[in-house]
Amino acid sequence: MKSNRYRTASLMLEDGLILTGYSFGYEGPVAGEIVFNTAMTGYPESLTDPSYKGQILVLTYPSIGNYGVPGKVIENDMLMHFESEQVHIAALIISDYSEKHSHWNATQSLGDWLKEEKVPALFGIDTRRLTKHIREKGSMPAKIIFDNEDIDFRDPNRENLVAQVSIREKKVYGHGRHKILLIDCGVKNNIIRYLLRYDTQVIRVPWDYDYSNEEYDGLFISNGPGDPQTCVPTIEHLKTSLGEEKPVFGICLGHQLISLASGAQTYKLKFGHRSHNQPVMETGTNKAYLTSQNHGFAVDDSTLGSDWEIYFKNLNDNSNEGIRHKTKPVFTTQFHPEASSGPTDTAFLFGSFIEEIEKWKKQR
């Protein structure tokens, strides 16, 4: 049997559930928050998504690793096939590992990549049972241990994860005519790629950067990990920005931070939304879209101020998926319009953001 060639390890959840699997990644103990993702493709992108910082990721698709890991090709000063420059998950849990991979741009196996990145990974776990358990009990601290190397549980949501994944110094991409100031809370590379399609210059700054003296045409607040309420400096800077007339667009954590700056409140979801197939409805229309999502917190609709309205709603649980200002060019989405490996039903929102910038520039 394939499993006979692999070292065993235990996955332990805080509520007492213990499952045994086989290690195909880095062999060392690790702790984090256990969550699941129902997407069928896109594991190189998911594993490098900074929004997964500190999380033990369970992939529900039964066979993982069949197309390997793409090479590290640089384009626009970013890795082309990844969402950041490193793996951010704490560990990976899957049902079955494909030892042999086949894809035109693969340069190594998933297991070799995870060993290189020092990220533990287990297969042979009943991920259907585990996912049902998380749906019933909720996301919780968990850990992977080898032999007697026990460690404490860890709740990463008590940490400022954004500070761990944000860029340290300002960085500029492109030479276009529209200047976009991007607040990096753990931005995915594909967001920058989409913005660069629209004749823009993207000025990427740290999460707590004081941008009051920066010149820009539109403000963008990125996705990122953890509890949005830990990002106090970002929220305070946004309060000032929301008092101005410049266009503002926020995605995922950026949506939550704009909401908090507007006076609304956020709360933790039981097990979060992490998939490529979440349906949302645009408020006031009969338009529904399939979206990619990765978040554990949400905005409380009941706390929105009178100047704001709901932009999108989740059709599965009716949670908030975006807000917009009633008179100013400010809007947000909880989902990812730039999703890779898809879907891209809502990618038009980047064009909407640029249109608002062009309108604002003409009115000055």
Protein backbone atom coordinates (compact mmCIF):
# COMPACT_ATOMS: atom_id res chain seq x y z
CA MET A 1 0.00 0.00 0.00
CA LYS A 2 1.09 3.56 -0.73
CA SER A 3 0.53 4.57 2.91
CA ASN A 4 3.17 2.11 4.11
CA ARG A 5 5.87 4.37 2.69
CA TYR A 6 4.82 7.40 4.73
CA ARG A 7 5.23 8.36 8.37
CA THR A 8 2.02 8.59 10.40
CA ALA A 9 0.92 11.67 12.31
CA SER A 10 -2.10 12.74 14.34
CA LEU A 11 -4.50 15.57 13.65
CA MET A 12 -5.99 16.71 16.96
CA LEU A 13 -8.88 19.17 17.30
CA GLU A 14 -9.47 21.22 20.43
CA ASP A 15 -12.80 19.47 21.07
CA GLY A 16 -11.07 16.09 21.35
CA LEU A 17 -11.43 14.63 17.85
CA ILE A 18 -8.26 12.78 16.80
CA LEU A 19 -7.62 11.49 13.27
CA THR A 20 -4.54 9.68 11.98
CA GLY A 21 -3.01 10.41 8.57
CA TYR A 22 0.15 9.99 6.54
CA SER A 23 2.71 12.75 6.17
CA PHE A 24 3.72 13.90 2.67
CA GLY A 25 4.97 17.37 3.59
CA TYR A 26 7.34 18.78 6.17
CA GLU A 27 7.57 16.56 9.23
CA GLY A 28 7.20 18.82 12.23
CA PRO A 29 4.42 19.68 14.70
CA VAL A 30 2.21 22.67 13.96
CA ALA A 31 -0.87 24.35 15.43
CA GLY A 32 -3.49 26.68 13.94
CA GLU A 33 -7.20 27.11 13.17
CA ILE A 34 -8.72 24.28 11.16
CA VAL A 35 -10.91 25.34 8.20
CA PHE A 36 -12.11 23.74 4.97
CA ASN A 37 -12.27 24.75 1.31
CA THR A 38 -14.62 23.09 -1.19
CA ALA A 39 -12.90 24.21 -4.42
CA MET A 40 -11.98 21.49 -6.91
CA THR A 41 -8.92 23.25 -8.38
CA GLY A 42 -6.46 26.00 -7.53
CA TYR A 43 -4.45 24.58 -4.65
CA PRO A 44 -1.21 26.46 -5.60
CA GLU A 45 -3.19 29.71 -5.41
CA SER A 46 -5.01 28.79 -2.20
CA LEU A 47 -1.88 27.67 -0.37
CA THR A 48 -0.13 30.97 -1.19
CA ASP A 49 -3.14 33.15 -0.32
CA PRO A 50 -2.11 35.30 2.69
CA SER A 51 -5.71 35.14 3.95
CA TYR A 52 -4.97 31.56 5.08
CA LYS A 53 -2.19 32.66 7.43
CA GLY A 54 -2.18 30.50 10.56
CA GLN A 55 -4.81 28.06 9.30
CA ILE A 56 -4.76 24.29 8.88
CA LEU A 57 -6.52 23.91 5.55
CA VAL A 58 -8.73 20.93 4.72
CA LEU A 59 -9.37 20.46 0.99
CA THR A 60 -12.63 18.60 0.39
CA TYR A 61 -11.86 17.59 -3.21
CA PRO A 62 -10.86 13.92 -2.83
CA SER A 63 -7.66 13.81 -4.92
CA ILE A 64 -5.01 16.53 -4.66
CA GLY A 65 -1.59 16.87 -6.27
CA ASN A 66 -2.45 15.46 -9.69
CA TYR A 67 -1.21 18.54 -11.58
CA GLY A 68 1.80 19.24 -9.40
CA VAL A 69 3.12 22.74 -8.73
CA PRO A 70 3.99 25.28 -11.45
CA GLY A 71 7.38 26.90 -11.86
CA LYS A 72 8.31 30.24 -10.29
CA VAL A 73 7.94 32.52 -13.30
CA ILE A 74 8.25 36.26 -12.60
CA GLU A 75 5.89 38.72 -14.31
CA ASN A 76 5.42 42.36 -13.27
CA ASP A 77 7.69 41.66 -10.29
CA MET A 78 5.31 38.95 -9.01
CA LEU A 79 5.20 35.16 -9.19
CA MET A 80 2.89 34.44 -12.11
CA HIS A 81 1.18 31.25 -10.87
CA PHE A 82 0.92 32.05 -7.16
CA GLU A 83 -0.88 34.59 -4.97
CA SER A 84 2.23 35.54 -2.98
CA GLU A 85 5.88 34.60 -2.63
CA GLN A 86 5.37 31.84 -0.04
CA VAL A 87 2.96 29.25 1.32
CA HIS A 88 0.88 30.81 4.10
CA ILE A 89 -1.21 27.92 5.40
CA ALA A 90 -0.02 26.34 8.64
CA ALA A 91 -0.67 22.83 7.29
CA LEU A 92 -2.63 20.92 4.65
CA ILE A 93 -5.12 18.05 5.14
CA ILE A 94 -6.38 16.00 2.19
CA SER A 95 -8.06 12.68 1.50
CA ASP A 96 -5.79 11.19 -1.15
CA TYR A 97 -2.43 12.40 -2.44
CA SER A 98 -1.53 11.95 -6.11
CA GLU A 99 2.13 10.98 -6.07
CA LYS A 100 2.43 11.26 -9.84
CA HIS A 101 1.60 14.63 -11.35
CA SER A 102 1.14 15.66 -14.96
CA HIS A 103 0.80 19.22 -16.24
CA TRP A 104 2.59 21.24 -18.89
CA ASN A 105 3.87 23.88 -16.46
CA ALA A 106 4.54 21.69 -13.40
CA THR A 107 8.12 21.68 -12.13
CA GLN A 108 7.73 19.72 -8.88
CA SER A 109 5.31 17.68 -6.83
CA LEU A 110 3.02 19.14 -4.19
CA GLY A 111 4.80 17.12 -1.50
CA ASP A 112 8.26 18.35 -2.49
CA TRP A 113 7.00 21.95 -2.55
CA LEU A 114 5.53 21.66 0.95
CA LYS A 115 8.74 20.13 2.29
CA GLU A 116 10.68 22.99 0.72
CA GLU A 117 8.32 25.52 2.34
CA LYS A 118 8.42 23.65 5.68
CA VAL A 119 4.63 23.12 5.73
CA PRO A 120 3.26 19.85 7.21
CA ALA A 121 0.66 17.93 5.19
CA LEU A 122 -1.37 14.78 5.79
CA PHE A 123 -3.34 12.48 3.49
CA GLY A 124 -5.46 9.46 4.33
CA ILE A 125 -7.81 11.60 6.44
CA ASP A 126 -11.57 11.20 6.03
CA THR A 127 -12.08 14.80 4.88
CA ARG A 128 -15.83 14.29 4.41
CA ARG A 129 -16.20 13.33 8.07
CA LEU A 130 -13.85 16.13 9.14
CA THR A 131 -15.71 18.77 7.10
CA LYS A 132 -19.07 17.69 8.52
CA HIS A 133 -17.54 17.89 11.99
CA ILE A 134 -16.30 21.46 11.40
CA ARG A 135 -19.68 22.48 9.95
CA GLU A 136 -21.39 21.19 13.10
CA LYS A 137 -18.88 22.33 15.72
CA GLY A 138 -17.38 25.33 13.91
CA SER A 139 -13.79 26.24 13.05
CA MET A 140 -11.52 25.70 16.04
CA PRO A 141 -7.87 25.38 17.07
CA ALA A 142 -6.18 22.18 15.94
CA LYS A 143 -2.68 20.73 15.73
CA ILE A 144 -0.64 18.08 13.95
CA ILE A 145 1.80 16.07 16.06
CA PHE A 146 4.36 13.40 15.21
CA ASP A 147 5.09 10.63 17.73
CA ASN A 148 5.37 12.32 21.14
CA GLU A 149 6.18 15.84 19.89
CA ASP A 150 3.12 17.41 21.49
CA ILE A 151 2.54 21.18 21.30
CA ASP A 152 -0.09 23.60 22.57
CA PHE A 153 -3.15 24.59 20.59
CA ARG A 154 -3.05 28.04 18.95
CA ASP A 155 -5.85 30.42 17.99
CA PRO A 156 -4.33 32.65 15.28
CA ASN A 157 -7.34 34.98 15.38
CA ARG A 158 -5.99 36.40 18.64
CA GLU A 159 -2.93 37.63 16.75
CA ASN A 160 -2.50 40.52 14.34
CA LEU A 161 -2.04 38.30 11.30
CA VAL A 162 -2.22 41.24 8.90
CA ALA A 163 0.97 42.67 10.35
CA GLN A 164 2.65 39.33 9.63
CA VAL A 165 1.74 39.19 5.93
CA SER A 166 1.71 42.85 4.84
CA ILE A 167 4.54 44.35 2.82
CA ARG A 168 7.15 46.20 4.89
CA GLU A 169 7.95 49.06 2.50
CA LYS A 170 6.17 50.90 -0.29
CA LYS A 171 6.38 49.26 -3.71
CA VAL A 172 5.20 50.54 -7.10
CA TYR A 173 3.90 48.54 -10.08
CA GLY A 174 3.19 49.83 -13.58
CA HIS A 175 3.32 53.28 -15.17
CA GLY A 176 -0.33 53.94 -16.07
CA ARG A 177 -2.20 57.23 -15.84
CA HIS A 178 -4.50 56.23 -12.95
CA LYS A 179 -2.73 56.11 -9.57
CA ILE A 180 -4.17 53.43 -7.28
CA LEU A 181 -3.06 53.43 -3.66
CA LEU A 182 -3.30 49.84 -2.45
CA ILE A 183 -3.38 49.19 1.29
CA ASP A 184 -1.75 45.78 1.60
CA CYS A 185 -3.39 43.73 4.34
CA GLY A 186 -2.24 40.49 2.69
CA VAL A 187 -3.02 41.25 -0.94
CA LYS A 188 -3.26 38.47 -3.51
CA ASN A 189 -1.08 38.91 -6.57
CA ASN A 190 -4.06 38.51 -8.87
CA ILE A 191 -5.65 41.67 -7.46
CA ILE A 192 -2.60 43.66 -8.56
CA ARG A 193 -2.69 41.93 -11.96
CA TYR A 194 -6.31 42.95 -12.48
CA LEU A 195 -5.66 46.56 -11.48
CA LEU A 196 -2.72 46.75 -13.89
CA ARG A 197 -5.01 45.84 -16.81
CA TYR A 198 -6.59 49.30 -16.63
CA ASP A 199 -3.75 51.70 -17.47
CA THR A 200 -2.84 52.14 -13.81
CA GLN A 201 0.08 52.62 -11.51
CA VAL A 202 -0.40 50.61 -8.32
CA ILE A 203 1.27 52.03 -5.21
CA ARG A 204 1.36 49.23 -2.64
CA VAL A 205 1.85 50.31 0.97
CA PRO A 206 1.93 48.54 4.38
CA TRP A 207 -1.29 47.90 6.30
CA ASP A 208 -0.63 50.65 8.87
CA TYR A 209 0.89 53.18 6.46
CA ASP A 210 -0.07 56.84 6.90
CA TYR A 211 -0.96 57.78 3.33
CA SER A 212 -2.31 61.27 4.07
CA ASN A 213 0.50 62.86 2.05
CA GLU A 214 0.33 60.45 -0.89
CA GLU A 215 -1.06 61.51 -4.27
CA TYR A 216 -3.51 59.00 -5.73
CA ASP A 217 -6.73 58.80 -7.75
CA GLY A 218 -8.35 55.80 -6.10
CA LEU A 219 -7.94 53.89 -2.84
CA PHE A 220 -7.97 50.09 -2.74
CA ILE A 221 -7.99 48.01 0.46
CA SER A 222 -6.97 44.38 0.02
CA ASN A 223 -7.91 41.02 1.43
CA GLY A 224 -6.05 39.61 4.40
CA PRO A 225 -6.19 37.16 7.32
CA GLY A 226 -7.72 37.18 10.77
CA ASP A 227 -9.97 39.43 12.78
CA PRO A 228 -10.43 42.84 11.10
CA GLN A 229 -10.74 44.56 14.47
CA THR A 230 -7.02 44.05 15.08
CA CYS A 231 -6.24 46.53 12.27
CA VAL A 232 -6.82 49.69 14.32
CA PRO A 233 -4.40 51.99 12.42
CA THR A 234 -5.95 51.00 9.07
CA ILE A 235 -9.46 51.66 10.33
CA GLU A 236 -8.46 55.09 11.66
CA HIS A 237 -6.86 56.06 8.33
CA LEU A 238 -9.97 54.88 6.47
CA LYS A 239 -12.23 57.05 8.62
CA THR A 240 -10.45 60.07 7.15
CA SER A 241 -10.59 58.69 3.60
CA LEU A 242 -14.33 58.03 3.80
CA GLY A 243 -14.84 61.72 4.53
CA GLU A 244 -13.35 62.57 1.13
CA GLU A 245 -14.73 62.16 -2.38
CA LYS A 246 -12.11 59.87 -3.95
CA PRO A 247 -13.24 56.42 -5.16
CA VAL A 248 -12.64 53.56 -2.70
CA PHE A 249 -12.86 49.82 -3.35
CA GLY A 250 -12.34 47.09 -0.75
CA ILE A 251 -12.23 43.31 -1.15
CA CYS A 252 -12.70 40.68 1.60
CA LEU A 253 -10.87 42.03 4.69
CA GLY A 254 -10.85 45.39 2.91
CA HIS A 255 -14.64 45.23 2.85
CA GLN A 256 -14.73 44.56 6.58
CA LEU A 257 -12.27 47.37 7.37
CA ILE A 258 -14.26 49.91 5.37
CA SER A 259 -17.39 48.74 7.15
CA LEU A 260 -15.74 49.15 10.56
CA ALA A 261 -14.48 52.61 9.57
CA SER A 262 -18.03 53.56 8.59
CA GLY A 263 -19.30 52.61 12.06
CA ALA A 264 -20.60 49.10 11.34
CA GLN A 265 -19.62 45.96 13.26
CA THR A 266 -18.23 42.56 12.30
CA TYR A 267 -18.67 39.08 13.76
CA LYS A 268 -17.03 35.66 13.41
CA LEU A 269 -18.78 33.12 11.20
CA LYS A 270 -19.24 29.60 12.55
CA PHE A 271 -17.02 27.95 9.92
CA GLY A 272 -16.46 30.68 7.33
CA HIS A 273 -16.90 30.78 3.57
CA ARG A 274 -14.07 29.19 1.61
CA SER A 275 -14.85 27.91 -1.86
CA HIS A 276 -15.06 28.74 -5.56
CA ASN A 277 -18.83 28.32 -5.74
CA GLN A 278 -20.56 30.72 -3.34
CA PRO A 279 -23.69 32.30 -4.91
CA VAL A 280 -24.40 35.98 -4.22
CA MET A 281 -27.25 38.29 -5.26
CA GLU A 282 -26.82 41.93 -6.22
CA THR A 283 -29.28 43.92 -4.11
CA GLY A 284 -32.09 45.61 -6.04
CA THR A 285 -31.66 43.36 -9.08
CA ASN A 286 -32.29 39.75 -10.05
CA LYS A 287 -28.63 39.25 -10.90
CA ALA A 288 -26.85 36.37 -9.16
CA TYR A 289 -23.17 35.51 -9.46
CA LEU A 290 -20.93 32.61 -8.51
CA THR A 291 -17.99 33.83 -6.45
CA SER A 292 -14.79 32.65 -4.82
CA GLN A 293 -14.51 33.36 -1.10
CA ASN A 294 -12.07 32.97 1.77
CA HIS A 295 -13.09 34.62 5.03
CA GLY A 296 -14.01 33.75 8.59
CA PHE A 297 -15.62 37.06 9.61
CA ALA A 298 -18.58 38.99 8.22
CA VAL A 299 -20.25 42.41 8.47
CA ASP A 300 -23.42 42.75 10.55
CA ASP A 301 -26.09 44.25 8.27
CA SER A 302 -28.05 45.64 11.18
CA THR A 303 -25.19 47.96 12.16
CA LEU A 304 -24.82 49.74 8.80
CA GLY A 305 -25.23 53.51 8.95
CA SER A 306 -27.96 55.39 7.10
CA ASP A 307 -25.52 56.55 4.40
CA TRP A 308 -24.77 52.97 3.41
CA GLU A 309 -26.65 50.17 1.67
CA ILE A 310 -26.16 46.45 1.11
CA TYR A 311 -24.56 45.76 -2.27
CA PHE A 312 -24.52 41.93 -2.32
CA LYS A 313 -26.02 39.15 -0.18
CA ASN A 314 -24.95 35.52 0.18
CA LEU A 315 -27.68 33.23 -1.17
CA ASN A 316 -26.66 30.34 1.09
CA ASP A 317 -26.84 31.99 4.52
CA ASN A 318 -28.00 35.55 3.73
CA SER A 319 -24.80 37.06 5.17
CA ASN A 320 -23.44 40.36 3.89
CA GLU A 321 -21.28 40.19 0.74
CA GLY A 322 -20.67 43.88 0.08
CA ILE A 323 -21.76 47.44 0.83
CA ARG A 324 -21.78 50.75 -1.03
CA HIS A 325 -22.18 54.38 -0.09
CA LYS A 326 -25.42 56.00 -1.24
CA THR A 327 -23.80 59.15 -2.61
CA LYS A 328 -20.01 58.61 -2.75
CA PRO A 329 -17.99 56.32 -5.10
CA VAL A 330 -17.23 53.80 -2.35
CA PHE A 331 -18.10 50.10 -2.62
CA THR A 332 -16.89 46.76 -1.30
CA THR A 333 -17.21 43.02 -1.82
CA GLN A 334 -16.73 40.24 0.68
CA PHE A 335 -15.97 37.84 -2.19
CA HIS A 336 -13.02 37.83 -4.61
CA PRO A 337 -13.78 39.23 -8.11
CA GLU A 338 -10.18 38.47 -9.13
CA ALA A 339 -10.43 34.80 -8.14
CA SER A 340 -7.89 32.37 -9.52
CA SER A 341 -8.67 29.64 -10.45
CA GLY A 342 -12.08 31.29 -10.79
CA PRO A 343 -14.92 31.97 -11.20
CA THR A 344 -14.55 35.45 -12.70
CA ASP A 345 -18.25 36.37 -12.96
CA THR A 346 -17.69 39.59 -10.99
CA ALA A 347 -14.36 40.72 -12.49
CA PHE A 348 -16.27 43.63 -14.04
CA LEU A 349 -16.13 45.34 -10.64
CA PHE A 350 -12.52 46.34 -11.30
CA GLY A 351 -13.75 48.14 -14.40
CA SER A 352 -16.45 49.81 -12.31
CA PHE A 353 -13.77 51.06 -9.92
CA ILE A 354 -11.73 52.55 -12.77
CA GLU A 355 -14.87 54.20 -14.21
CA GLU A 356 -15.47 55.89 -10.86
CA ILE A 357 -11.88 57.12 -10.87
CA GLU A 358 -12.27 58.56 -14.35
CA LYS A 359 -15.48 60.34 -13.32
CA TRP A 360 -13.81 61.76 -10.22
CA LYS A 361 -10.82 63.02 -12.21
CA LYS A 362 -13.10 64.81 -14.70
CA GLN A 363 -15.00 66.53 -11.89
CA ARG A 364 -11.92 67.94 -10.18
